[in-house]
Amino acid sequence: MTALWIAHVEVTDPDAYGRYAQGATAAIAAHGGVFLARGGRHVQLEGRDRARNVVARFPSVEAAVACYESADYQAALAHAKGAAIRDLVVVEEVG
């Protein structure tokens, strides 16, 4: 079953977060991830609004978690530490 990687982000340091985004893009693609939404227009209906919302589809929950745990993604993520407030969840899609 495919899975969605859903991130809600408040960027506090655009330069550092840009470096994260570059590395994360390559790591996500290397694990079969495809972006469905990245930034863009949104309407917050409930909960905390964060200006950046990202959705990527992976072949499976396991592939998404393997991406997150990979050395390449963790190297990119080091740039996001202190540069953003983030929530990240992986959700299996309905078959």
PDB file of N, CA and C in Angstrom:
ATOM      1  N   MET A   1       0.840  -1.185   0.000  1.00  0.00           N
ATOM      2  CA  MET A   1       0.000   0.000   0.000  1.00  0.00           C
ATOM      3  C   MET A   1       0.887   1.250   0.000  1.00  0.00           C
ATOM      4  N   THR A   2       0.520   2.211  -0.814  1.00  0.00           N
ATOM      5  CA  THR A   2       1.261   3.468  -0.841  1.00  0.00           C
ATOM      6  C   THR A   2       1.020   4.240   0.454  1.00  0.00           C
ATOM      7  N   ALA A   3       1.901   5.200   0.708  1.00  0.00           N
ATOM      8  CA  ALA A   3       1.817   5.980   1.940  1.00  0.00           C
ATOM      9  C   ALA A   3       2.097   7.441   1.632  1.00  0.00           C
ATOM     10  N   LEU A   4       1.512   8.314   2.437  1.00  0.00           N
ATOM     11  CA  LEU A   4       1.719   9.754   2.313  1.00  0.00           C
ATOM     12  C   LEU A   4       2.581  10.245   3.463  1.00  0.00           C
ATOM     13  N   TRP A   5       3.575  11.036   3.111  1.00  0.00           N
ATOM     14  CA  TRP A   5       4.460  11.731   4.059  1.00  0.00           C
ATOM     15  C   TRP A   5       3.894  13.137   4.108  1.00  0.00           C
ATOM     16  N   ILE A   6       3.402  13.557   5.259  1.00  0.00           N
ATOM     17  CA  ILE A   6       2.722  14.845   5.388  1.00  0.00           C
ATOM     18  C   ILE A   6       3.467  15.689   6.421  1.00  0.00           C
ATOM     19  N   ALA A   7       3.946  16.844   5.973  1.00  0.00           N
ATOM     20  CA  ALA A   7       4.686  17.743   6.855  1.00  0.00           C
ATOM     21  C   ALA A   7       3.996  19.097   6.908  1.00  0.00           C
ATOM     22  N   HIS A   8       3.885  19.635   8.104  1.00  0.00           N
ATOM     23  CA  HIS A   8       3.370  20.987   8.335  1.00  0.00           C
ATOM     24  C   HIS A   8       4.524  21.759   8.960  1.00  0.00           C
ATOM     25  N   VAL A   9       4.920  22.854   8.310  1.00  0.00           N
ATOM     26  CA  VAL A   9       6.179  23.495   8.660  1.00  0.00           C
ATOM     27  C   VAL A   9       6.031  25.006   8.823  1.00  0.00           C
ATOM     28  N   GLU A  10       6.662  25.525   9.853  1.00  0.00           N
ATOM     29  CA  GLU A  10       6.856  26.965  10.025  1.00  0.00           C
ATOM     30  C   GLU A  10       8.354  27.218   9.911  1.00  0.00           C
ATOM     31  N   VAL A  11       8.766  27.830   8.832  1.00  0.00           N
ATOM     32  CA  VAL A  11      10.181  28.085   8.582  1.00  0.00           C
ATOM     33  C   VAL A  11      10.616  29.318   9.370  1.00  0.00           C
ATOM     34  N   THR A  12      11.697  29.179  10.139  1.00  0.00           N
ATOM     35  CA  THR A  12      12.229  30.304  10.924  1.00  0.00           C
ATOM     36  C   THR A  12      13.566  30.807  10.389  1.00  0.00           C
ATOM     37  N   ASP A  13      14.239  30.000   9.570  1.00  0.00           N
ATOM     38  CA  ASP A  13      15.506  30.389   8.944  1.00  0.00           C
ATOM     39  C   ASP A  13      15.479  29.909   7.497  1.00  0.00           C
ATOM     40  N   PRO A  14      15.019  30.774   6.576  1.00  0.00           N
ATOM     41  CA  PRO A  14      14.843  30.356   5.181  1.00  0.00           C
ATOM     42  C   PRO A  14      16.122  29.844   4.509  1.00  0.00           C
ATOM     43  N   ASP A  15      17.275  30.415   4.804  1.00  0.00           N
ATOM     44  CA  ASP A  15      18.512  29.962   4.171  1.00  0.00           C
ATOM     45  C   ASP A  15      18.849  28.525   4.576  1.00  0.00           C
ATOM     46  N   ALA A  16      18.830  28.273   5.862  1.00  0.00           N
ATOM     47  CA  ALA A  16      19.131  26.922   6.343  1.00  0.00           C
ATOM     48  C   ALA A  16      18.074  25.938   5.868  1.00  0.00           C
ATOM     49  N   TYR A  17      16.822  26.352   5.877  1.00  0.00           N
ATOM     50  CA  TYR A  17      15.765  25.447   5.442  1.00  0.00           C
ATOM     51  C   TYR A  17      15.863  25.159   3.946  1.00  0.00           C
ATOM     52  N   GLY A  18      16.347  26.111   3.188  1.00  0.00           N
ATOM     53  CA  GLY A  18      16.588  25.887   1.762  1.00  0.00           C
ATOM     54  C   GLY A  18      17.629  24.801   1.545  1.00  0.00           C
ATOM     55  N   ARG A  19      18.664  24.785   2.375  1.00  0.00           N
ATOM     56  CA  ARG A  19      19.673  23.729   2.283  1.00  0.00           C
ATOM     57  C   ARG A  19      19.061  22.376   2.634  1.00  0.00           C
ATOM     58  N   TYR A  20      18.194  22.362   3.657  1.00  0.00           N
ATOM     59  CA  TYR A  20      17.462  21.128   3.993  1.00  0.00           C
ATOM     60  C   TYR A  20      16.657  20.657   2.785  1.00  0.00           C
ATOM     61  N   ALA A  21      15.896  21.566   2.183  1.00  0.00           N
ATOM     62  CA  ALA A  21      15.002  21.195   1.079  1.00  0.00           C
ATOM     63  C   ALA A  21      15.775  20.585  -0.087  1.00  0.00           C
ATOM     64  N   GLN A  22      16.949  21.121  -0.389  1.00  0.00           N
ATOM     65  CA  GLN A  22      17.755  20.566  -1.477  1.00  0.00           C
ATOM     66  C   GLN A  22      18.131  19.117  -1.202  1.00  0.00           C
ATOM     67  N   GLY A  23      18.671  18.868  -0.038  1.00  0.00           N
ATOM     68  CA  GLY A  23      19.077  17.505   0.308  1.00  0.00           C
ATOM     69  C   GLY A  23      17.906  16.568   0.474  1.00  0.00           C
ATOM     70  N   ALA A  24      16.820  17.063   1.070  1.00  0.00           N
ATOM     71  CA  ALA A  24      15.640  16.230   1.283  1.00  0.00           C
ATOM     72  C   ALA A  24      15.001  15.825  -0.040  1.00  0.00           C
ATOM     73  N   THR A  25      14.994  16.733  -1.006  1.00  0.00           N
ATOM     74  CA  THR A  25      14.406  16.431  -2.312  1.00  0.00           C
ATOM     75  C   THR A  25      15.089  15.217  -2.937  1.00  0.00           C
ATOM     76  N   ALA A  26      16.408  15.209  -2.912  1.00  0.00           N
ATOM     77  CA  ALA A  26      17.159  14.095  -3.495  1.00  0.00           C
ATOM     78  C   ALA A  26      16.919  12.803  -2.711  1.00  0.00           C
ATOM     79  N   ALA A  27      16.916  12.874  -1.388  1.00  0.00           N
ATOM     80  CA  ALA A  27      16.710  11.682  -0.560  1.00  0.00           C
ATOM     81  C   ALA A  27      15.318  11.108  -0.773  1.00  0.00           C
ATOM     82  N   ILE A  28      14.328  11.965  -0.841  1.00  0.00           N
ATOM     83  CA  ILE A  28      12.950  11.508  -1.038  1.00  0.00           C
ATOM     84  C   ILE A  28      12.813  10.828  -2.392  1.00  0.00           C
ATOM     85  N   ALA A  29      13.353  11.421  -3.430  1.00  0.00           N
ATOM     86  CA  ALA A  29      13.296  10.814  -4.770  1.00  0.00           C
ATOM     87  C   ALA A  29      14.018   9.464  -4.791  1.00  0.00           C
ATOM     88  N   ALA A  30      15.152   9.376  -4.113  1.00  0.00           N
ATOM     89  CA  ALA A  30      15.925   8.131  -4.086  1.00  0.00           C
ATOM     90  C   ALA A  30      15.167   6.986  -3.422  1.00  0.00           C
ATOM     91  N   HIS A  31      14.185   7.309  -2.596  1.00  0.00           N
ATOM     92  CA  HIS A  31      13.380   6.289  -1.921  1.00  0.00           C
ATOM     93  C   HIS A  31      12.003   6.118  -2.559  1.00  0.00           C
ATOM     94  N   GLY A  32      11.855   6.609  -3.777  1.00  0.00           N
ATOM     95  CA  GLY A  32      10.596   6.425  -4.504  1.00  0.00           C
ATOM     96  C   GLY A  32       9.528   7.431  -4.171  1.00  0.00           C
ATOM     97  N   GLY A  33       9.880   8.484  -3.451  1.00  0.00           N
ATOM     98  CA  GLY A  33       8.901   9.514  -3.089  1.00  0.00           C
ATOM     99  C   GLY A  33       8.646  10.479  -4.234  1.00  0.00           C
ATOM    100  N   VAL A  34       7.392  10.881  -4.369  1.00  0.00           N
ATOM    101  CA  VAL A  34       6.963  11.835  -5.388  1.00  0.00           C
ATOM    102  C   VAL A  34       6.159  12.922  -4.684  1.00  0.00           C
ATOM    103  N   PHE A  35       6.525  14.176  -4.912  1.00  0.00           N
ATOM    104  CA  PHE A  35       5.801  15.279  -4.275  1.00  0.00           C
ATOM    105  C   PHE A  35       4.432  15.489  -4.910  1.00  0.00           C
ATOM    106  N   LEU A  36       3.415  15.604  -4.062  1.00  0.00           N
ATOM    107  CA  LEU A  36       2.054  15.917  -4.495  1.00  0.00           C
ATOM    108  C   LEU A  36       1.707  17.363  -4.177  1.00  0.00           C
ATOM    109  N   ALA A  37       2.272  17.882  -3.106  1.00  0.00           N
ATOM    110  CA  ALA A  37       2.081  19.280  -2.710  1.00  0.00           C
ATOM    111  C   ALA A  37       3.354  19.730  -2.022  1.00  0.00           C
ATOM    112  N   ARG A  38       3.710  20.985  -2.287  1.00  0.00           N
ATOM    113  CA  ARG A  38       4.961  21.484  -1.710  1.00  0.00           C
ATOM    114  C   ARG A  38       4.855  22.997  -1.571  1.00  0.00           C
ATOM    115  N   GLY A  39       4.400  23.432  -0.404  1.00  0.00           N
ATOM    116  CA  GLY A  39       4.190  24.863  -0.222  1.00  0.00           C
ATOM    117  C   GLY A  39       2.778  25.211  -0.668  1.00  0.00           C
ATOM    118  N   GLY A  40       2.670  25.958  -1.696  1.00  0.00           N
ATOM    119  CA  GLY A  40       1.383  26.222  -2.346  1.00  0.00           C
ATOM    120  C   GLY A  40       0.268  26.765  -1.469  1.00  0.00           C
ATOM    121  N   ARG A  41      -0.783  27.081  -2.127  1.00  0.00           N
ATOM    122  CA  ARG A  41      -1.980  27.649  -1.498  1.00  0.00           C
ATOM    123  C   ARG A  41      -2.660  26.609  -0.614  1.00  0.00           C
ATOM    124  N   HIS A  42      -3.142  27.044   0.538  1.00  0.00           N
ATOM    125  CA  HIS A  42      -3.867  26.146   1.429  1.00  0.00           C
ATOM    126  C   HIS A  42      -4.883  26.943   2.234  1.00  0.00           C
ATOM    127  N   VAL A  43      -5.826  26.241   2.822  1.00  0.00           N
ATOM    128  CA  VAL A  43      -6.818  26.832   3.719  1.00  0.00           C
ATOM    129  C   VAL A  43      -6.781  26.015   5.007  1.00  0.00           C
ATOM    130  N   GLN A  44      -6.462  26.654   6.108  1.00  0.00           N
ATOM    131  CA  GLN A  44      -6.411  25.984   7.407  1.00  0.00           C
ATOM    132  C   GLN A  44      -7.809  26.006   7.996  1.00  0.00           C
ATOM    133  N   LEU A  45      -8.399  24.851   8.189  1.00  0.00           N
ATOM    134  CA  LEU A  45      -9.757  24.777   8.724  1.00  0.00           C
ATOM    135  C   LEU A  45      -9.786  24.473  10.216  1.00  0.00           C
ATOM    136  N   GLU A  46      -8.807  23.741  10.697  1.00  0.00           N
ATOM    137  CA  GLU A  46      -8.720  23.416  12.122  1.00  0.00           C
ATOM    138  C   GLU A  46      -7.259  23.304  12.507  1.00  0.00           C
ATOM    139  N   GLY A  47      -6.981  23.448  13.782  1.00  0.00           N
ATOM    140  CA  GLY A  47      -5.628  23.260  14.276  1.00  0.00           C
ATOM    141  C   GLY A  47      -4.715  24.428  13.972  1.00  0.00           C
ATOM    142  N   ARG A  48      -3.437  24.199  14.214  1.00  0.00           N
ATOM    143  CA  ARG A  48      -2.438  25.250  14.059  1.00  0.00           C
ATOM    144  C   ARG A  48      -2.060  25.432  12.599  1.00  0.00           C
ATOM    145  N   ASP A  49      -2.090  26.650  12.141  1.00  0.00           N
ATOM    146  CA  ASP A  49      -1.715  26.965  10.769  1.00  0.00           C
ATOM    147  C   ASP A  49      -0.204  27.083  10.666  1.00  0.00           C
ATOM    148  N   ARG A  50       0.362  26.421   9.690  1.00  0.00           N
ATOM    149  CA  ARG A  50       1.771  26.551   9.353  1.00  0.00           C
ATOM    150  C   ARG A  50       1.826  26.837   7.861  1.00  0.00           C
ATOM    151  N   ALA A  51       2.612  27.810   7.479  1.00  0.00           N
ATOM    152  CA  ALA A  51       2.583  28.331   6.114  1.00  0.00           C
ATOM    153  C   ALA A  51       3.046  27.324   5.065  1.00  0.00           C
ATOM    154  N   ARG A  52       3.867  26.344   5.442  1.00  0.00           N
ATOM    155  CA  ARG A  52       4.391  25.398   4.460  1.00  0.00           C
ATOM    156  C   ARG A  52       3.832  24.008   4.756  1.00  0.00           C
ATOM    157  N   ASN A  53       3.189  23.436   3.767  1.00  0.00           N
ATOM    158  CA  ASN A  53       2.617  22.102   3.884  1.00  0.00           C
ATOM    159  C   ASN A  53       3.150  21.264   2.728  1.00  0.00           C
ATOM    160  N   VAL A  54       3.658  20.083   3.040  1.00  0.00           N
ATOM    161  CA  VAL A  54       4.280  19.230   2.035  1.00  0.00           C
ATOM    162  C   VAL A  54       3.667  17.844   2.115  1.00  0.00           C
ATOM    163  N   VAL A  55       3.321  17.297   0.947  1.00  0.00           N
ATOM    164  CA  VAL A  55       2.804  15.930   0.863  1.00  0.00           C
ATOM    165  C   VAL A  55       3.603  15.204  -0.215  1.00  0.00           C
ATOM    166  N   ALA A  56       4.136  14.048   0.139  1.00  0.00           N
ATOM    167  CA  ALA A  56       4.836  13.198  -0.827  1.00  0.00           C
ATOM    168  C   ALA A  56       4.262  11.795  -0.732  1.00  0.00           C
ATOM    169  N   ARG A  57       4.151  11.130  -1.865  1.00  0.00           N
ATOM    170  CA  ARG A  57       3.668   9.743  -1.895  1.00  0.00           C
ATOM    171  C   ARG A  57       4.875   8.813  -2.027  1.00  0.00           C
ATOM    172  N   PHE A  58       4.881   7.781  -1.201  1.00  0.00           N
ATOM    173  CA  PHE A  58       5.916   6.747  -1.238  1.00  0.00           C
ATOM    174  C   PHE A  58       5.277   5.409  -1.588  1.00  0.00           C
ATOM    175  N   PRO A  59       6.076   4.467  -2.055  1.00  0.00           N
ATOM    176  CA  PRO A  59       5.528   3.147  -2.386  1.00  0.00           C
ATOM    177  C   PRO A  59       4.919   2.416  -1.187  1.00  0.00           C
ATOM    178  N   SER A  60       5.384   2.732   0.019  1.00  0.00           N
ATOM    179  CA  SER A  60       4.891   2.066   1.229  1.00  0.00           C
ATOM    180  C   SER A  60       5.283   2.884   2.455  1.00  0.00           C
ATOM    181  N   VAL A  61       4.671   2.545   3.582  1.00  0.00           N
ATOM    182  CA  VAL A  61       5.070   3.158   4.846  1.00  0.00           C
ATOM    183  C   VAL A  61       6.542   2.856   5.111  1.00  0.00           C
ATOM    184  N   GLU A  62       6.939   1.626   4.835  1.00  0.00           N
ATOM    185  CA  GLU A  62       8.322   1.219   5.082  1.00  0.00           C
ATOM    186  C   GLU A  62       9.311   2.039   4.258  1.00  0.00           C
ATOM    187  N   ALA A  63       8.955   2.328   3.004  1.00  0.00           N
ATOM    188  CA  ALA A  63       9.839   3.141   2.148  1.00  0.00           C
ATOM    189  C   ALA A  63       9.958   4.558   2.692  1.00  0.00           C
ATOM    190  N   ALA A  64       8.859   5.118   3.191  1.00  0.00           N
ATOM    191  CA  ALA A  64       8.883   6.469   3.752  1.00  0.00           C
ATOM    192  C   ALA A  64       9.739   6.514   5.013  1.00  0.00           C
ATOM    193  N   VAL A  65       9.594   5.518   5.865  1.00  0.00           N
ATOM    194  CA  VAL A  65      10.383   5.470   7.098  1.00  0.00           C
ATOM    195  C   VAL A  65      11.858   5.232   6.765  1.00  0.00           C
ATOM    196  N   ALA A  66      12.133   4.377   5.795  1.00  0.00           N
ATOM    197  CA  ALA A  66      13.519   4.136   5.380  1.00  0.00           C
ATOM    198  C   ALA A  66      14.144   5.423   4.851  1.00  0.00           C
ATOM    199  N   CYS A  67      13.373   6.220   4.134  1.00  0.00           N
ATOM    200  CA  CYS A  67      13.862   7.508   3.657  1.00  0.00           C
ATOM    201  C   CYS A  67      14.227   8.387   4.843  1.00  0.00           C
ATOM    202  N   TYR A  68      13.318   8.520   5.789  1.00  0.00           N
ATOM    203  CA  TYR A  68      13.556   9.365   6.960  1.00  0.00           C
ATOM    204  C   TYR A  68      14.812   8.923   7.714  1.00  0.00           C
ATOM    205  N   GLU A  69      15.002   7.625   7.836  1.00  0.00           N
ATOM    206  CA  GLU A  69      16.126   7.093   8.603  1.00  0.00           C
ATOM    207  C   GLU A  69      17.430   7.045   7.812  1.00  0.00           C
ATOM    208  N   SER A  70      17.384   7.313   6.508  1.00  0.00           N
ATOM    209  CA  SER A  70      18.575   7.207   5.664  1.00  0.00           C
ATOM    210  C   SER A  70      19.607   8.276   6.022  1.00  0.00           C
ATOM    211  N   ALA A  71      20.860   7.953   5.742  1.00  0.00           N
ATOM    212  CA  ALA A  71      21.950   8.893   6.012  1.00  0.00           C
ATOM    213  C   ALA A  71      21.779  10.180   5.221  1.00  0.00           C
ATOM    214  N   ASP A  72      21.338  10.070   3.961  1.00  0.00           N
ATOM    215  CA  ASP A  72      21.163  11.266   3.134  1.00  0.00           C
ATOM    216  C   ASP A  72      20.082  12.185   3.689  1.00  0.00           C
ATOM    217  N   TYR A  73      18.955  11.619   4.114  1.00  0.00           N
ATOM    218  CA  TYR A  73      17.891  12.460   4.655  1.00  0.00           C
ATOM    219  C   TYR A  73      18.318  13.057   5.994  1.00  0.00           C
ATOM    220  N   GLN A  74      18.955  12.279   6.837  1.00  0.00           N
ATOM    221  CA  GLN A  74      19.389  12.787   8.136  1.00  0.00           C
ATOM    222  C   GLN A  74      20.408  13.917   7.975  1.00  0.00           C
ATOM    223  N   ALA A  75      21.267  13.816   6.956  1.00  0.00           N
ATOM    224  CA  ALA A  75      22.219  14.908   6.686  1.00  0.00           C
ATOM    225  C   ALA A  75      21.471  16.168   6.285  1.00  0.00           C
ATOM    226  N   ALA A  76      20.441  16.022   5.466  1.00  0.00           N
ATOM    227  CA  ALA A  76      19.629  17.176   5.076  1.00  0.00           C
ATOM    228  C   ALA A  76      18.881  17.724   6.284  1.00  0.00           C
ATOM    229  N   LEU A  77      18.335  16.830   7.087  1.00  0.00           N
ATOM    230  CA  LEU A  77      17.533  17.233   8.243  1.00  0.00           C
ATOM    231  C   LEU A  77      18.341  18.055   9.244  1.00  0.00           C
ATOM    232  N   ALA A  78      19.628  17.840   9.293  1.00  0.00           N
ATOM    233  CA  ALA A  78      20.481  18.625  10.191  1.00  0.00           C
ATOM    234  C   ALA A  78      20.355  20.118   9.905  1.00  0.00           C
ATOM    235  N   HIS A  79      20.086  20.490   8.651  1.00  0.00           N
ATOM    236  CA  HIS A  79      19.911  21.902   8.289  1.00  0.00           C
ATOM    237  C   HIS A  79      18.562  22.450   8.784  1.00  0.00           C
ATOM    238  N   ALA A  80      17.581  21.575   8.937  1.00  0.00           N
ATOM    239  CA  ALA A  80      16.255  22.018   9.384  1.00  0.00           C
ATOM    240  C   ALA A  80      16.193  22.218  10.894  1.00  0.00           C
ATOM    241  N   LYS A  81      17.076  21.557  11.620  1.00  0.00           N
ATOM    242  CA  LYS A  81      17.091  21.706  13.080  1.00  0.00           C
ATOM    243  C   LYS A  81      17.377  23.167  13.435  1.00  0.00           C
ATOM    244  N   GLY A  82      16.481  23.780  14.165  1.00  0.00           N
ATOM    245  CA  GLY A  82      16.635  25.184  14.522  1.00  0.00           C
ATOM    246  C   GLY A  82      16.223  26.139  13.420  1.00  0.00           C
ATOM    247  N   ALA A  83      15.864  25.616  12.261  1.00  0.00           N
ATOM    248  CA  ALA A  83      15.462  26.458  11.128  1.00  0.00           C
ATOM    249  C   ALA A  83      13.973  26.350  10.842  1.00  0.00           C
ATOM    250  N   ALA A  84      13.280  25.488  11.596  1.00  0.00           N
ATOM    251  CA  ALA A  84      11.851  25.295  11.357  1.00  0.00           C
ATOM    252  C   ALA A  84      11.220  24.587  12.540  1.00  0.00           C
ATOM    253  N   ILE A  85       9.927  24.802  12.675  1.00  0.00           N
ATOM    254  CA  ILE A  85       9.097  24.040  13.604  1.00  0.00           C
ATOM    255  C   ILE A  85       8.255  23.138  12.714  1.00  0.00           C
ATOM    256  N   ARG A  86       8.360  21.831  12.917  1.00  0.00           N
ATOM    257  CA  ARG A  86       7.753  20.888  11.982  1.00  0.00           C
ATOM    258  C   ARG A  86       6.958  19.811  12.692  1.00  0.00           C
ATOM    259  N   ASP A  87       5.920  19.362  12.018  1.00  0.00           N
ATOM    260  CA  ASP A  87       5.224  18.131  12.370  1.00  0.00           C
ATOM    261  C   ASP A  87       5.326  17.257  11.135  1.00  0.00           C
ATOM    262  N   LEU A  88       5.613  15.977  11.314  1.00  0.00           N
ATOM    263  CA  LEU A  88       5.754  15.058  10.192  1.00  0.00           C
ATOM    264  C   LEU A  88       5.079  13.743  10.553  1.00  0.00           C
ATOM    265  N   VAL A  89       4.248  13.266   9.652  1.00  0.00           N
ATOM    266  CA  VAL A  89       3.565  11.992   9.855  1.00  0.00           C
ATOM    267  C   VAL A  89       3.568  11.227   8.541  1.00  0.00           C
ATOM    268  N   VAL A  90       3.627   9.910   8.632  1.00  0.00           N
ATOM    269  CA  VAL A  90       3.471   9.037   7.470  1.00  0.00           C
ATOM    270  C   VAL A  90       2.175   8.267   7.667  1.00  0.00           C
ATOM    271  N   VAL A  91       1.317   8.294   6.652  1.00  0.00           N
ATOM    272  CA  VAL A  91       0.006   7.674   6.738  1.00  0.00           C
ATOM    273  C   VAL A  91      -0.186   6.752   5.548  1.00  0.00           C
ATOM    274  N   GLU A  92      -0.571   5.512   5.817  1.00  0.00           N
ATOM    275  CA  GLU A  92      -0.854   4.579   4.722  1.00  0.00           C
ATOM    276  C   GLU A  92      -2.126   5.000   4.005  1.00  0.00           C
ATOM    277  N   GLU A  93      -2.097   4.961   2.684  1.00  0.00           N
ATOM    278  CA  GLU A  93      -3.270   5.336   1.893  1.00  0.00           C
ATOM    279  C   GLU A  93      -4.303   4.193   1.897  1.00  0.00           C
ATOM    280  N   VAL A  94      -5.518   4.564   1.648  1.00  0.00           N
ATOM    281  CA  VAL A  94      -6.603   3.593   1.529  1.00  0.00           C
ATOM    282  C   VAL A  94      -6.442   2.865   0.204  1.00  0.00           C
ATOM    283  N   GLY A  95      -6.586   1.546   0.232  1.00  0.00           N
ATOM    284  CA  GLY A  95      -6.391   0.733  -0.980  1.00  0.00           C
ATOM    285  C   GLY A  95      -7.522   0.810  -1.951  1.00  0.00           C
TER     286      GLY A  95
END
